[in-house]
């Protein structure tokens, strides 16, 4: 298939230099690496890697508490225990949500 489209992006010179060096060390040009990224994204119908935020236990707990608060009523002790597991990174968001829903939908 003939390549006729061009992708332009702006990056800092430091990132460009580091990326060029990294890709060269594995036998790719930066253009080839970008093409691989785009192809992998299309093939998996999303990003070909997991995005993660820097975890902050206090913020995670407040976020989970907001989700577990039902009709303005603070979460039960059981729900709070699940939120603490989530905020420590011991369980993922989906597991915490499922467990909290089970508490309130008995």
PDB file of N, CA and C in Angstrom:
ATOM      1  N   UNK A   1       0.853  -1.175   0.000  1.00  0.00           N
ATOM      2  CA  UNK A   1       0.000   0.000   0.000  1.00  0.00           C
ATOM      3  C   UNK A   1       0.900   1.240   0.000  1.00  0.00           C
ATOM      4  N   UNK A   2       0.578   2.174  -0.855  1.00  0.00           N
ATOM      5  CA  UNK A   2       1.367   3.384  -0.976  1.00  0.00           C
ATOM      6  C   UNK A   2       1.088   4.322   0.195  1.00  0.00           C
ATOM      7  N   UNK A   3       2.143   4.872   0.764  1.00  0.00           N
ATOM      8  CA  UNK A   3       2.016   5.817   1.878  1.00  0.00           C
ATOM      9  C   UNK A   3       1.887   7.216   1.301  1.00  0.00           C
ATOM     10  N   UNK A   4       0.744   7.868   1.554  1.00  0.00           N
ATOM     11  CA  UNK A   4       0.518   9.196   0.998  1.00  0.00           C
ATOM     12  C   UNK A   4       0.172  10.236   2.062  1.00  0.00           C
ATOM     13  N   UNK A   5      -0.032   9.813   3.314  1.00  0.00           N
ATOM     14  CA  UNK A   5      -0.392  10.745   4.379  1.00  0.00           C
ATOM     15  C   UNK A   5       0.830  11.076   5.231  1.00  0.00           C
ATOM     16  N   UNK A   6       0.806  12.260   5.813  1.00  0.00           N
ATOM     17  CA  UNK A   6       1.903  12.714   6.663  1.00  0.00           C
ATOM     18  C   UNK A   6       1.344  13.076   8.035  1.00  0.00           C
ATOM     19  N   UNK A   7       2.075  12.716   9.080  1.00  0.00           N
ATOM     20  CA  UNK A   7       1.709  13.078  10.446  1.00  0.00           C
ATOM     21  C   UNK A   7       2.760  14.050  10.971  1.00  0.00           C
ATOM     22  N   UNK A   8       2.316  15.187  11.482  1.00  0.00           N
ATOM     23  CA  UNK A   8       3.224  16.175  12.065  1.00  0.00           C
ATOM     24  C   UNK A   8       2.914  16.306  13.541  1.00  0.00           C
ATOM     25  N   UNK A   9       3.947  16.385  14.350  1.00  0.00           N
ATOM     26  CA  UNK A   9       3.749  16.615  15.785  1.00  0.00           C
ATOM     27  C   UNK A   9       4.928  17.412  16.311  1.00  0.00           C
ATOM     28  N   UNK A  10       4.693  18.156  17.368  1.00  0.00           N
ATOM     29  CA  UNK A  10       5.764  18.939  17.978  1.00  0.00           C
ATOM     30  C   UNK A  10       6.147  18.288  19.300  1.00  0.00           C
ATOM     31  N   UNK A  11       7.440  18.135  19.497  1.00  0.00           N
ATOM     32  CA  UNK A  11       7.980  17.599  20.748  1.00  0.00           C
ATOM     33  C   UNK A  11       9.187  18.442  21.137  1.00  0.00           C
ATOM     34  N   UNK A  12       9.601  18.301  22.379  1.00  0.00           N
ATOM     35  CA  UNK A  12      10.795  19.029  22.805  1.00  0.00           C
ATOM     36  C   UNK A  12      12.029  18.415  22.150  1.00  0.00           C
ATOM     37  N   UNK A  13      13.056  19.216  21.927  1.00  0.00           N
ATOM     38  CA  UNK A  13      14.285  18.677  21.342  1.00  0.00           C
ATOM     39  C   UNK A  13      14.877  17.528  22.173  1.00  0.00           C
ATOM     40  N   UNK A  14      14.773  17.607  23.478  1.00  0.00           N
ATOM     41  CA  UNK A  14      15.330  16.560  24.336  1.00  0.00           C
ATOM     42  C   UNK A  14      14.610  15.232  24.129  1.00  0.00           C
ATOM     43  N   UNK A  15      13.283  15.266  24.054  1.00  0.00           N
ATOM     44  CA  UNK A  15      12.504  14.039  23.829  1.00  0.00           C
ATOM     45  C   UNK A  15      12.823  13.471  22.455  1.00  0.00           C
ATOM     46  N   UNK A  16      12.881  14.323  21.450  1.00  0.00           N
ATOM     47  CA  UNK A  16      13.189  13.870  20.087  1.00  0.00           C
ATOM     48  C   UNK A  16      14.544  13.184  20.038  1.00  0.00           C
ATOM     49  N   UNK A  17      15.542  13.793  20.665  1.00  0.00           N
ATOM     50  CA  UNK A  17      16.894  13.230  20.655  1.00  0.00           C
ATOM     51  C   UNK A  17      16.921  11.879  21.367  1.00  0.00           C
ATOM     52  N   UNK A  18      16.252  11.780  22.521  1.00  0.00           N
ATOM     53  CA  UNK A  18      16.217  10.518  23.273  1.00  0.00           C
ATOM     54  C   UNK A  18      15.462   9.431  22.505  1.00  0.00           C
ATOM     55  N   UNK A  19      14.346   9.818  21.893  1.00  0.00           N
ATOM     56  CA  UNK A  19      13.559   8.847  21.115  1.00  0.00           C
ATOM     57  C   UNK A  19      14.356   8.358  19.908  1.00  0.00           C
ATOM     58  N   UNK A  20      14.990   9.287  19.197  1.00  0.00           N
ATOM     59  CA  UNK A  20      15.809   8.898  18.039  1.00  0.00           C
ATOM     60  C   UNK A  20      16.884   7.893  18.453  1.00  0.00           C
ATOM     61  N   UNK A  21      17.551   8.171  19.562  1.00  0.00           N
ATOM     62  CA  UNK A  21      18.627   7.295  20.047  1.00  0.00           C
ATOM     63  C   UNK A  21      18.076   5.926  20.449  1.00  0.00           C
ATOM     64  N   UNK A  22      16.935   5.927  21.149  1.00  0.00           N
ATOM     65  CA  UNK A  22      16.309   4.668  21.570  1.00  0.00           C
ATOM     66  C   UNK A  22      15.924   3.824  20.363  1.00  0.00           C
ATOM     67  N   UNK A  23      15.209   4.417  19.419  1.00  0.00           N
ATOM     68  CA  UNK A  23      14.752   3.665  18.255  1.00  0.00           C
ATOM     69  C   UNK A  23      15.929   3.191  17.399  1.00  0.00           C
ATOM     70  N   UNK A  24      16.960   4.017  17.280  1.00  0.00           N
ATOM     71  CA  UNK A  24      18.146   3.608  16.528  1.00  0.00           C
ATOM     72  C   UNK A  24      18.796   2.376  17.174  1.00  0.00           C
ATOM     73  N   UNK A  25      18.783   2.327  18.509  1.00  0.00           N
ATOM     74  CA  UNK A  25      19.408   1.196  19.204  1.00  0.00           C
ATOM     75  C   UNK A  25      18.677  -0.125  18.948  1.00  0.00           C
ATOM     76  N   UNK A  26      17.405  -0.035  18.530  1.00  0.00           N
ATOM     77  CA  UNK A  26      16.660  -1.265  18.213  1.00  0.00           C
ATOM     78  C   UNK A  26      16.429  -1.414  16.707  1.00  0.00           C
ATOM     79  N   UNK A  27      17.157  -0.610  15.936  1.00  0.00           N
ATOM     80  CA  UNK A  27      17.135  -0.769  14.481  1.00  0.00           C
ATOM     81  C   UNK A  27      15.978  -0.114  13.766  1.00  0.00           C
ATOM     82  N   UNK A  28      15.389   0.914  14.390  1.00  0.00           N
ATOM     83  CA  UNK A  28      14.268   1.617  13.763  1.00  0.00           C
ATOM     84  C   UNK A  28      14.560   3.096  13.629  1.00  0.00           C
ATOM     85  N   UNK A  29      13.919   3.715  12.664  1.00  0.00           N
ATOM     86  CA  UNK A  29      13.893   5.175  12.626  1.00  0.00           C
ATOM     87  C   UNK A  29      12.702   5.619  13.477  1.00  0.00           C
ATOM     88  N   UNK A  30      12.681   6.878  13.825  1.00  0.00           N
ATOM     89  CA  UNK A  30      11.539   7.397  14.581  1.00  0.00           C
ATOM     90  C   UNK A  30      10.266   7.280  13.752  1.00  0.00           C
ATOM     91  N   UNK A  31      10.353   7.511  12.462  1.00  0.00           N
ATOM     92  CA  UNK A  31       9.185   7.363  11.583  1.00  0.00           C
ATOM     93  C   UNK A  31       8.655   5.936  11.596  1.00  0.00           C
ATOM     94  N   UNK A  32       9.561   4.962  11.554  1.00  0.00           N
ATOM     95  CA  UNK A  32       9.139   3.563  11.596  1.00  0.00           C
ATOM     96  C   UNK A  32       8.474   3.233  12.939  1.00  0.00           C
ATOM     97  N   UNK A  33       9.032   3.767  14.023  1.00  0.00           N
ATOM     98  CA  UNK A  33       8.456   3.522  15.348  1.00  0.00           C
ATOM     99  C   UNK A  33       7.053   4.123  15.454  1.00  0.00           C
ATOM    100  N   UNK A  34       6.875   5.313  14.902  1.00  0.00           N
ATOM    101  CA  UNK A  34       5.545   5.938  14.918  1.00  0.00           C
ATOM    102  C   UNK A  34       4.567   5.122  14.083  1.00  0.00           C
ATOM    103  N   UNK A  35       5.013   4.623  12.936  1.00  0.00           N
ATOM    104  CA  UNK A  35       4.170   3.777  12.091  1.00  0.00           C
ATOM    105  C   UNK A  35       3.767   2.509  12.848  1.00  0.00           C
ATOM    106  N   UNK A  36       4.713   1.906  13.583  1.00  0.00           N
ATOM    107  CA  UNK A  36       4.399   0.724  14.397  1.00  0.00           C
ATOM    108  C   UNK A  36       3.354   1.057  15.462  1.00  0.00           C
ATOM    109  N   UNK A  37       3.513   2.204  16.110  1.00  0.00           N
ATOM    110  CA  UNK A  37       2.554   2.623  17.136  1.00  0.00           C
ATOM    111  C   UNK A  37       1.162   2.793  16.535  1.00  0.00           C
ATOM    112  N   UNK A  38       1.070   3.477  15.417  1.00  0.00           N
ATOM    113  CA  UNK A  38      -0.237   3.697  14.784  1.00  0.00           C
ATOM    114  C   UNK A  38      -0.871   2.378  14.349  1.00  0.00           C
ATOM    115  N   UNK A  39      -0.068   1.496  13.762  1.00  0.00           N
ATOM    116  CA  UNK A  39      -0.568   0.195  13.311  1.00  0.00           C
ATOM    117  C   UNK A  39      -1.051  -0.641  14.499  1.00  0.00           C
ATOM    118  N   UNK A  40      -0.259  -0.679  15.562  1.00  0.00           N
ATOM    119  CA  UNK A  40      -0.652  -1.442  16.756  1.00  0.00           C
ATOM    120  C   UNK A  40      -1.925  -0.865  17.368  1.00  0.00           C
ATOM    121  N   UNK A  41      -2.065   0.455  17.369  1.00  0.00           N
ATOM    122  CA  UNK A  41      -3.277   1.092  17.911  1.00  0.00           C
ATOM    123  C   UNK A  41      -4.513   0.682  17.120  1.00  0.00           C
ATOM    124  N   UNK A  42      -4.395   0.688  15.800  1.00  0.00           N
ATOM    125  CA  UNK A  42      -5.515   0.284  14.941  1.00  0.00           C
ATOM    126  C   UNK A  42      -5.829  -1.198  15.147  1.00  0.00           C
ATOM    127  N   UNK A  43      -4.791  -2.029  15.200  1.00  0.00           N
ATOM    128  CA  UNK A  43      -4.996  -3.468  15.348  1.00  0.00           C
ATOM    129  C   UNK A  43      -5.663  -3.845  16.668  1.00  0.00           C
ATOM    130  N   UNK A  44      -5.358  -3.119  17.741  1.00  0.00           N
ATOM    131  CA  UNK A  44      -5.971  -3.471  19.036  1.00  0.00           C
ATOM    132  C   UNK A  44      -7.158  -2.559  19.362  1.00  0.00           C
ATOM    133  N   UNK A  45      -7.507  -1.667  18.427  1.00  0.00           N
ATOM    134  CA  UNK A  45      -8.647  -0.770  18.593  1.00  0.00           C
ATOM    135  C   UNK A  45      -8.520   0.072  19.865  1.00  0.00           C
ATOM    136  N   UNK A  46      -7.332   0.588  20.104  1.00  0.00           N
ATOM    137  CA  UNK A  46      -7.053   1.417  21.274  1.00  0.00           C
ATOM    138  C   UNK A  46      -5.560   1.624  21.385  1.00  0.00           C
ATOM    139  N   UNK A  47      -5.141   2.111  22.517  1.00  0.00           N
ATOM    140  CA  UNK A  47      -3.707   2.269  22.729  1.00  0.00           C
ATOM    141  C   UNK A  47      -3.086   0.900  22.993  1.00  0.00           C
ATOM    142  N   UNK A  48      -1.913   0.651  22.448  1.00  0.00           N
ATOM    143  CA  UNK A  48      -1.301  -0.674  22.610  1.00  0.00           C
ATOM    144  C   UNK A  48      -0.556  -0.841  23.936  1.00  0.00           C
ATOM    145  N   UNK A  49      -0.921  -0.041  24.913  1.00  0.00           N
ATOM    146  CA  UNK A  49      -0.332  -0.147  26.239  1.00  0.00           C
ATOM    147  C   UNK A  49      -1.309   0.452  27.235  1.00  0.00           C
ATOM    148  N   UNK A  50      -1.085   0.151  28.503  1.00  0.00           N
ATOM    149  CA  UNK A  50      -1.975   0.650  29.559  1.00  0.00           C
ATOM    150  C   UNK A  50      -1.473   1.994  30.052  1.00  0.00           C
ATOM    151  N   UNK A  51      -2.366   2.955  30.184  1.00  0.00           N
ATOM    152  CA  UNK A  51      -2.017   4.249  30.754  1.00  0.00           C
ATOM    153  C   UNK A  51      -2.246   4.198  32.255  1.00  0.00           C
ATOM    154  N   UNK A  52      -1.325   4.746  33.000  1.00  0.00           N
ATOM    155  CA  UNK A  52      -1.452   4.764  34.450  1.00  0.00           C
ATOM    156  C   UNK A  52      -1.172   6.165  34.959  1.00  0.00           C
ATOM    157  N   UNK A  53      -1.897   6.559  35.955  1.00  0.00           N
ATOM    158  CA  UNK A  53      -1.635   7.818  36.638  1.00  0.00           C
ATOM    159  C   UNK A  53      -0.732   7.538  37.818  1.00  0.00           C
ATOM    160  N   UNK A  54       0.035   8.551  38.212  1.00  0.00           N
ATOM    161  CA  UNK A  54       0.797   8.392  39.442  1.00  0.00           C
ATOM    162  C   UNK A  54      -0.198   8.251  40.583  1.00  0.00           C
ATOM    163  N   UNK A  55      -0.036   7.209  41.359  1.00  0.00           N
ATOM    164  CA  UNK A  55      -0.993   6.933  42.426  1.00  0.00           C
ATOM    165  C   UNK A  55      -0.724   7.836  43.615  1.00  0.00           C
ATOM    166  N   UNK A  56      -1.789   8.367  44.160  1.00  0.00           N
ATOM    167  CA  UNK A  56      -1.731   9.156  45.373  1.00  0.00           C
ATOM    168  C   UNK A  56      -2.808   8.588  46.277  1.00  0.00           C
ATOM    169  N   UNK A  57      -2.398   7.902  47.339  1.00  0.00           N
ATOM    170  CA  UNK A  57      -3.335   7.148  48.160  1.00  0.00           C
ATOM    171  C   UNK A  57      -4.459   8.028  48.716  1.00  0.00           C
ATOM    172  N   UNK A  58      -4.128   9.236  49.145  1.00  0.00           N
ATOM    173  CA  UNK A  58      -5.155  10.117  49.712  1.00  0.00           C
ATOM    174  C   UNK A  58      -6.170  10.532  48.656  1.00  0.00           C
ATOM    175  N   UNK A  59      -5.696  10.909  47.464  1.00  0.00           N
ATOM    176  CA  UNK A  59      -6.616  11.289  46.388  1.00  0.00           C
ATOM    177  C   UNK A  59      -7.462  10.104  45.937  1.00  0.00           C
ATOM    178  N   UNK A  60      -6.843   8.921  45.849  1.00  0.00           N
ATOM    179  CA  UNK A  60      -7.577   7.723  45.450  1.00  0.00           C
ATOM    180  C   UNK A  60      -8.679   7.411  46.457  1.00  0.00           C
ATOM    181  N   UNK A  61      -8.386   7.581  47.738  1.00  0.00           N
ATOM    182  CA  UNK A  61      -9.385   7.298  48.761  1.00  0.00           C
ATOM    183  C   UNK A  61     -10.557   8.277  48.638  1.00  0.00           C
ATOM    184  N   UNK A  62     -10.268   9.549  48.439  1.00  0.00           N
ATOM    185  CA  UNK A  62     -11.342  10.543  48.293  1.00  0.00           C
ATOM    186  C   UNK A  62     -12.174  10.265  47.044  1.00  0.00           C
ATOM    187  N   UNK A  63     -11.519   9.863  45.956  1.00  0.00           N
ATOM    188  CA  UNK A  63     -12.218   9.505  44.728  1.00  0.00           C
ATOM    189  C   UNK A  63     -13.152   8.321  44.983  1.00  0.00           C
ATOM    190  N   UNK A  64     -12.620   7.285  45.624  1.00  0.00           N
ATOM    191  CA  UNK A  64     -13.418   6.093  45.914  1.00  0.00           C
ATOM    192  C   UNK A  64     -14.560   6.424  46.864  1.00  0.00           C
ATOM    193  N   UNK A  65     -14.316   7.285  47.830  1.00  0.00           N
ATOM    194  CA  UNK A  65     -15.364   7.662  48.790  1.00  0.00           C
ATOM    195  C   UNK A  65     -16.507   8.368  48.058  1.00  0.00           C
ATOM    196  N   UNK A  66     -16.164   9.209  47.101  1.00  0.00           N
ATOM    197  CA  UNK A  66     -17.194   9.890  46.316  1.00  0.00           C
ATOM    198  C   UNK A  66     -18.051   8.901  45.546  1.00  0.00           C
ATOM    199  N   UNK A  67     -17.429   7.866  45.014  1.00  0.00           N
ATOM    200  CA  UNK A  67     -18.172   6.844  44.272  1.00  0.00           C
ATOM    201  C   UNK A  67     -19.059   6.031  45.206  1.00  0.00           C
ATOM    202  N   UNK A  68     -18.543   5.743  46.411  1.00  0.00           N
ATOM    203  CA  UNK A  68     -19.264   4.872  47.342  1.00  0.00           C
ATOM    204  C   UNK A  68     -20.330   5.597  48.145  1.00  0.00           C
ATOM    205  N   UNK A  69     -20.351   6.930  48.084  1.00  0.00           N
ATOM    206  CA  UNK A  69     -21.365   7.694  48.803  1.00  0.00           C
ATOM    207  C   UNK A  69     -22.678   7.613  48.022  1.00  0.00           C
ATOM    208  N   UNK A  70     -23.702   7.120  48.680  1.00  0.00           N
ATOM    209  CA  UNK A  70     -24.983   6.923  48.020  1.00  0.00           C
ATOM    210  C   UNK A  70     -26.005   7.880  48.614  1.00  0.00           C
ATOM    211  N   UNK A  71     -26.630   8.702  47.758  1.00  0.00           N
ATOM    212  CA  UNK A  71     -27.645   9.660  48.191  1.00  0.00           C
ATOM    213  C   UNK A  71     -27.180  10.504  49.361  1.00  0.00           C
ATOM    214  N   UNK A  72     -25.917  10.932  49.343  1.00  0.00           N
ATOM    215  CA  UNK A  72     -25.391  11.801  50.384  1.00  0.00           C
ATOM    216  C   UNK A  72     -25.056  11.099  51.690  1.00  0.00           C
ATOM    217  N   UNK A  73     -25.261   9.792  51.754  1.00  0.00           N
ATOM    218  CA  UNK A  73     -24.972   9.029  52.966  1.00  0.00           C
ATOM    219  C   UNK A  73     -23.558   8.488  52.856  1.00  0.00           C
ATOM    220  N   UNK A  74     -22.759   8.692  53.905  1.00  0.00           N
ATOM    221  CA  UNK A  74     -21.380   8.202  53.882  1.00  0.00           C
ATOM    222  C   UNK A  74     -21.343   6.683  53.754  1.00  0.00           C
ATOM    223  N   UNK A  75     -20.258   6.171  53.187  1.00  0.00           N
ATOM    224  CA  UNK A  75     -20.134   4.727  52.980  1.00  0.00           C
ATOM    225  C   UNK A  75     -20.102   3.944  54.288  1.00  0.00           C
ATOM    226  N   UNK A  76     -20.540   2.706  54.226  1.00  0.00           N
ATOM    227  CA  UNK A  76     -20.490   1.818  55.381  1.00  0.00           C
ATOM    228  C   UNK A  76     -19.037   1.456  55.676  1.00  0.00           C
ATOM    229  N   UNK A  77     -18.790   0.860  56.810  1.00  0.00           N
ATOM    230  CA  UNK A  77     -17.437   0.412  57.178  1.00  0.00           C
ATOM    231  C   UNK A  77     -16.929  -0.604  56.154  1.00  0.00           C
ATOM    232  N   UNK A  78     -17.820  -1.453  55.684  1.00  0.00           N
ATOM    233  CA  UNK A  78     -17.456  -2.464  54.691  1.00  0.00           C
ATOM    234  C   UNK A  78     -17.007  -1.794  53.383  1.00  0.00           C
ATOM    235  N   UNK A  79     -17.749  -0.789  52.943  1.00  0.00           N
ATOM    236  CA  UNK A  79     -17.393  -0.065  51.724  1.00  0.00           C
ATOM    237  C   UNK A  79     -16.091   0.706  51.931  1.00  0.00           C
ATOM    238  N   UNK A  80     -15.906   1.256  53.111  1.00  0.00           N
ATOM    239  CA  UNK A  80     -14.682   1.991  53.408  1.00  0.00           C
ATOM    240  C   UNK A  80     -13.460   1.067  53.356  1.00  0.00           C
ATOM    241  N   UNK A  81     -13.610  -0.157  53.816  1.00  0.00           N
ATOM    242  CA  UNK A  81     -12.514  -1.130  53.763  1.00  0.00           C
ATOM    243  C   UNK A  81     -12.124  -1.400  52.306  1.00  0.00           C
ATOM    244  N   UNK A  82     -13.120  -1.522  51.431  1.00  0.00           N
ATOM    245  CA  UNK A  82     -12.858  -1.742  50.008  1.00  0.00           C
ATOM    246  C   UNK A  82     -12.162  -0.527  49.398  1.00  0.00           C
ATOM    247  N   UNK A  83     -12.599   0.665  49.775  1.00  0.00           N
ATOM    248  CA  UNK A  83     -11.971   1.887  49.256  1.00  0.00           C
ATOM    249  C   UNK A  83     -10.506   1.965  49.662  1.00  0.00           C
ATOM    250  N   UNK A  84     -10.198   1.542  50.885  1.00  0.00           N
ATOM    251  CA  UNK A  84      -8.800   1.574  51.337  1.00  0.00           C
ATOM    252  C   UNK A  84      -7.953   0.597  50.531  1.00  0.00           C
ATOM    253  N   UNK A  85      -8.505  -0.562  50.208  1.00  0.00           N
ATOM    254  CA  UNK A  85      -7.779  -1.529  49.370  1.00  0.00           C
ATOM    255  C   UNK A  85      -7.493  -0.911  47.997  1.00  0.00           C
ATOM    256  N   UNK A  86      -8.490  -0.219  47.449  1.00  0.00           N
ATOM    257  CA  UNK A  86      -8.326   0.436  46.152  1.00  0.00           C
ATOM    258  C   UNK A  86      -7.265   1.533  46.230  1.00  0.00           C
ATOM    259  N   UNK A  87      -7.345   2.366  47.258  1.00  0.00           N
ATOM    260  CA  UNK A  87      -6.427   3.502  47.350  1.00  0.00           C
ATOM    261  C   UNK A  87      -4.987   3.055  47.571  1.00  0.00           C
ATOM    262  N   UNK A  88      -4.794   1.857  48.111  1.00  0.00           N
ATOM    263  CA  UNK A  88      -3.436   1.322  48.290  1.00  0.00           C
ATOM    264  C   UNK A  88      -2.963   0.582  47.044  1.00  0.00           C
ATOM    265  N   UNK A  89      -3.840   0.466  46.045  1.00  0.00           N
ATOM    266  CA  UNK A  89      -3.477  -0.222  44.815  1.00  0.00           C
ATOM    267  C   UNK A  89      -3.554  -1.741  44.930  1.00  0.00           C
ATOM    268  N   UNK A  90      -4.195  -2.243  45.992  1.00  0.00           N
ATOM    269  CA  UNK A  90      -4.286  -3.689  46.195  1.00  0.00           C
ATOM    270  C   UNK A  90      -5.383  -4.328  45.342  1.00  0.00           C
ATOM    271  N   UNK A  91      -6.377  -3.527  44.934  1.00  0.00           N
ATOM    272  CA  UNK A  91      -7.399  -3.984  43.994  1.00  0.00           C
ATOM    273  C   UNK A  91      -7.596  -2.887  42.958  1.00  0.00           C
ATOM    274  N   UNK A  92      -8.050  -3.249  41.764  1.00  0.00           N
ATOM    275  CA  UNK A  92      -8.242  -2.251  40.726  1.00  0.00           C
ATOM    276  C   UNK A  92      -9.626  -1.598  40.853  1.00  0.00           C
ATOM    277  N   UNK A  93      -9.850  -0.575  40.036  1.00  0.00           N
ATOM    278  CA  UNK A  93     -11.081   0.208  40.094  1.00  0.00           C
ATOM    279  C   UNK A  93     -12.315  -0.655  39.859  1.00  0.00           C
ATOM    280  N   UNK A  94     -12.265  -1.519  38.836  1.00  0.00           N
ATOM    281  CA  UNK A  94     -13.428  -2.339  38.495  1.00  0.00           C
ATOM    282  C   UNK A  94     -13.793  -3.279  39.643  1.00  0.00           C
ATOM    283  N   UNK A  95     -12.787  -3.869  40.278  1.00  0.00           N
ATOM    284  CA  UNK A  95     -13.034  -4.767  41.407  1.00  0.00           C
ATOM    285  C   UNK A  95     -13.655  -4.001  42.571  1.00  0.00           C
ATOM    286  N   UNK A  96     -13.117  -2.820  42.860  1.00  0.00           N
ATOM    287  CA  UNK A  96     -13.662  -2.001  43.952  1.00  0.00           C
ATOM    288  C   UNK A  96     -15.108  -1.615  43.666  1.00  0.00           C
ATOM    289  N   UNK A  97     -15.375  -1.197  42.446  1.00  0.00           N
ATOM    290  CA  UNK A  97     -16.726  -0.800  42.071  1.00  0.00           C
ATOM    291  C   UNK A  97     -17.693  -1.974  42.203  1.00  0.00           C
ATOM    292  N   UNK A  98     -17.283  -3.146  41.714  1.00  0.00           N
ATOM    293  CA  UNK A  98     -18.111  -4.338  41.803  1.00  0.00           C
ATOM    294  C   UNK A  98     -18.408  -4.680  43.264  1.00  0.00           C
ATOM    295  N   UNK A  99     -17.372  -4.653  44.102  1.00  0.00           N
ATOM    296  CA  UNK A  99     -17.541  -5.003  45.520  1.00  0.00           C
ATOM    297  C   UNK A  99     -18.457  -4.008  46.229  1.00  0.00           C
ATOM    298  N   UNK A 100     -18.305  -2.733  45.945  1.00  0.00           N
ATOM    299  CA  UNK A 100     -19.156  -1.720  46.589  1.00  0.00           C
ATOM    300  C   UNK A 100     -20.599  -1.856  46.121  1.00  0.00           C
ATOM    301  N   UNK A 101     -20.794  -2.117  44.833  1.00  0.00           N
ATOM    302  CA  UNK A 101     -22.164  -2.327  44.336  1.00  0.00           C
ATOM    303  C   UNK A 101     -22.816  -3.510  45.022  1.00  0.00           C
ATOM    304  N   UNK A 102     -22.043  -4.571  45.274  1.00  0.00           N
ATOM    305  CA  UNK A 102     -22.580  -5.768  45.954  1.00  0.00           C
ATOM    306  C   UNK A 102     -23.034  -5.435  47.380  1.00  0.00           C
ATOM    307  N   UNK A 103     -22.338  -4.510  48.015  1.00  0.00           N
ATOM    308  CA  UNK A 103     -22.709  -4.116  49.383  1.00  0.00           C
ATOM    309  C   UNK A 103     -24.067  -3.435  49.379  1.00  0.00           C
ATOM    310  N   UNK A 104     -24.275  -2.528  48.415  1.00  0.00           N
ATOM    311  CA  UNK A 104     -25.504  -1.739  48.403  1.00  0.00           C
ATOM    312  C   UNK A 104     -26.666  -2.398  47.708  1.00  0.00           C
ATOM    313  N   UNK A 105     -26.424  -3.450  46.948  1.00  0.00           N
ATOM    314  CA  UNK A 105     -27.499  -4.112  46.201  1.00  0.00           C
ATOM    315  C   UNK A 105     -27.730  -5.511  46.757  1.00  0.00           C
ATOM    316  N   UNK A 106     -27.823  -5.602  48.047  1.00  0.00           N
ATOM    317  CA  UNK A 106     -28.002  -6.933  48.688  1.00  0.00           C
ATOM    318  C   UNK A 106     -29.401  -7.443  48.506  1.00  0.00           C
TER     319      UNK A 106
END
